[in-house]
């Protein structure tokens, strides 16, 4: 299920995000497989997810802080009925 609508409200931003994901799909798939290999297959644990975010430099004390990271992780793992 495509959950980007929970985070991105602008139609132009959604289109841009979809294009970027399609361009990087093969790399993202390999990255996902690598992360689940180190985590709780077939899932990525919160600890592994936050470690990855910090290692690649996406963690930021102002924009993407620990609280925001927690909320994003929880929202992507909750099914809306």
C-alpha atoms as a PDB file:
ATOM      1  CA  UNK A   1       0.000   0.000   0.000  1.00  0.00           C
ATOM      2  CA  UNK A   2       1.354   3.410  -0.990  1.00  0.00           C
ATOM      3  CA  UNK A   3       1.422   5.508   2.200  1.00  0.00           C
ATOM      4  CA  UNK A   4       3.039   8.665   0.864  1.00  0.00           C
ATOM      5  CA  UNK A   5      -0.274  10.521   1.143  1.00  0.00           C
ATOM      6  CA  UNK A   6       0.139  10.546   4.905  1.00  0.00           C
ATOM      7  CA  UNK A   7       3.294  12.636   4.616  1.00  0.00           C
ATOM      8  CA  UNK A   8       3.178  14.579   1.365  1.00  0.00           C
ATOM      9  CA  UNK A   9       0.115  16.710   0.714  1.00  0.00           C
ATOM     10  CA  UNK A  10       1.173  18.703  -2.369  1.00  0.00           C
ATOM     11  CA  UNK A  11       0.342  17.024  -5.679  1.00  0.00           C
ATOM     12  CA  UNK A  12       3.521  18.343  -7.321  1.00  0.00           C
ATOM     13  CA  UNK A  13       5.613  16.999  -4.421  1.00  0.00           C
ATOM     14  CA  UNK A  14       3.918  13.603  -4.717  1.00  0.00           C
ATOM     15  CA  UNK A  15       4.638  13.485  -8.452  1.00  0.00           C
ATOM     16  CA  UNK A  16       8.277  14.451  -7.856  1.00  0.00           C
ATOM     17  CA  UNK A  17       8.635  11.799  -5.147  1.00  0.00           C
ATOM     18  CA  UNK A  18       7.102   9.099  -7.345  1.00  0.00           C
ATOM     19  CA  UNK A  19       9.487   9.991 -10.196  1.00  0.00           C
ATOM     20  CA  UNK A  20      12.492   9.843  -7.871  1.00  0.00           C
ATOM     21  CA  UNK A  21      11.424   6.485  -6.454  1.00  0.00           C
ATOM     22  CA  UNK A  22      10.930   5.052  -9.934  1.00  0.00           C
ATOM     23  CA  UNK A  23      14.382   6.282 -10.979  1.00  0.00           C
ATOM     24  CA  UNK A  24      16.027   4.761  -7.884  1.00  0.00           C
ATOM     25  CA  UNK A  25      13.803   1.693  -7.532  1.00  0.00           C
ATOM     26  CA  UNK A  26      16.521  -0.901  -8.133  1.00  0.00           C
ATOM     27  CA  UNK A  27      18.889   0.754  -5.649  1.00  0.00           C
ATOM     28  CA  UNK A  28      16.105   1.175  -3.059  1.00  0.00           C
ATOM     29  CA  UNK A  29      15.164  -2.499  -3.405  1.00  0.00           C
ATOM     30  CA  UNK A  30      18.765  -3.584  -2.842  1.00  0.00           C
ATOM     31  CA  UNK A  31      19.044  -1.227   0.131  1.00  0.00           C
ATOM     32  CA  UNK A  32      15.844  -2.637   1.646  1.00  0.00           C
ATOM     33  CA  UNK A  33      17.110  -6.202   1.269  1.00  0.00           C
ATOM     34  CA  UNK A  34      20.380  -5.240   2.896  1.00  0.00           C
ATOM     35  CA  UNK A  35      18.644  -3.575   5.844  1.00  0.00           C
ATOM     36  CA  UNK A  36      16.256  -6.459   6.490  1.00  0.00           C
ATOM     37  CA  UNK A  37      19.245  -8.802   6.360  1.00  0.00           C
ATOM     38  CA  UNK A  38      20.696  -7.009   9.372  1.00  0.00           C
ATOM     39  CA  UNK A  39      17.352  -6.635  11.113  1.00  0.00           C
ATOM     40  CA  UNK A  40      14.339  -8.805  11.913  1.00  0.00           C
ATOM     41  CA  UNK A  41      13.567 -10.350   8.518  1.00  0.00           C
ATOM     42  CA  UNK A  42      11.282  -9.430   6.754  1.00  0.00           C
ATOM     43  CA  UNK A  43      11.006  -6.200   8.744  1.00  0.00           C
ATOM     44  CA  UNK A  44      13.359  -3.350   9.584  1.00  0.00           C
ATOM     45  CA  UNK A  45      13.456  -2.626  13.306  1.00  0.00           C
ATOM     46  CA  UNK A  46      13.246   0.919  14.654  1.00  0.00           C
ATOM     47  CA  UNK A  47      16.801   0.689  15.961  1.00  0.00           C
ATOM     48  CA  UNK A  48      18.171  -0.377  12.565  1.00  0.00           C
ATOM     49  CA  UNK A  49      16.074   2.255  10.786  1.00  0.00           C
ATOM     50  CA  UNK A  50      17.290   5.100  13.018  1.00  0.00           C
ATOM     51  CA  UNK A  51      20.902   3.896  12.798  1.00  0.00           C
ATOM     52  CA  UNK A  52      20.653   3.903   9.000  1.00  0.00           C
ATOM     53  CA  UNK A  53      19.131   7.418   8.953  1.00  0.00           C
ATOM     54  CA  UNK A  54      21.963   8.722  11.132  1.00  0.00           C
ATOM     55  CA  UNK A  55      24.699   6.991   9.091  1.00  0.00           C
ATOM     56  CA  UNK A  56      23.520   8.402   5.766  1.00  0.00           C
ATOM     57  CA  UNK A  57      23.249  11.900   7.207  1.00  0.00           C
ATOM     58  CA  UNK A  58      19.475  12.365   7.112  1.00  0.00           C
ATOM     59  CA  UNK A  59      19.225  12.864  10.869  1.00  0.00           C
ATOM     60  CA  UNK A  60      19.039  16.516  11.847  1.00  0.00           C
ATOM     61  CA  UNK A  61      18.275  18.033  15.247  1.00  0.00           C
ATOM     62  CA  UNK A  62      15.944  20.651  13.698  1.00  0.00           C
ATOM     63  CA  UNK A  63      14.123  19.111  10.734  1.00  0.00           C
ATOM     64  CA  UNK A  64      14.360  15.332  11.127  1.00  0.00           C
ATOM     65  CA  UNK A  65      14.902  14.886  14.840  1.00  0.00           C
ATOM     66  CA  UNK A  66      14.387  11.748  16.905  1.00  0.00           C
ATOM     67  CA  UNK A  67      10.708  12.511  17.650  1.00  0.00           C
ATOM     68  CA  UNK A  68       9.886  13.079  13.974  1.00  0.00           C
ATOM     69  CA  UNK A  69      11.761   9.923  13.044  1.00  0.00           C
ATOM     70  CA  UNK A  70       9.730   7.932  15.593  1.00  0.00           C
ATOM     71  CA  UNK A  71       6.426   9.319  14.278  1.00  0.00           C
ATOM     72  CA  UNK A  72       7.333   8.569  10.648  1.00  0.00           C
ATOM     73  CA  UNK A  73       8.358   5.021  11.509  1.00  0.00           C
ATOM     74  CA  UNK A  74       5.165   4.389  13.473  1.00  0.00           C
ATOM     75  CA  UNK A  75       2.922   5.917  10.791  1.00  0.00           C
ATOM     76  CA  UNK A  76       4.415   3.757   8.053  1.00  0.00           C
ATOM     77  CA  UNK A  77       3.864   0.611  10.108  1.00  0.00           C
ATOM     78  CA  UNK A  78       0.228   1.272  11.047  1.00  0.00           C
ATOM     79  CA  UNK A  79      -2.527  -0.006   8.787  1.00  0.00           C
ATOM     80  CA  UNK A  80      -5.489   2.300   8.290  1.00  0.00           C
ATOM     81  CA  UNK A  81      -8.756   0.401   8.098  1.00  0.00           C
END
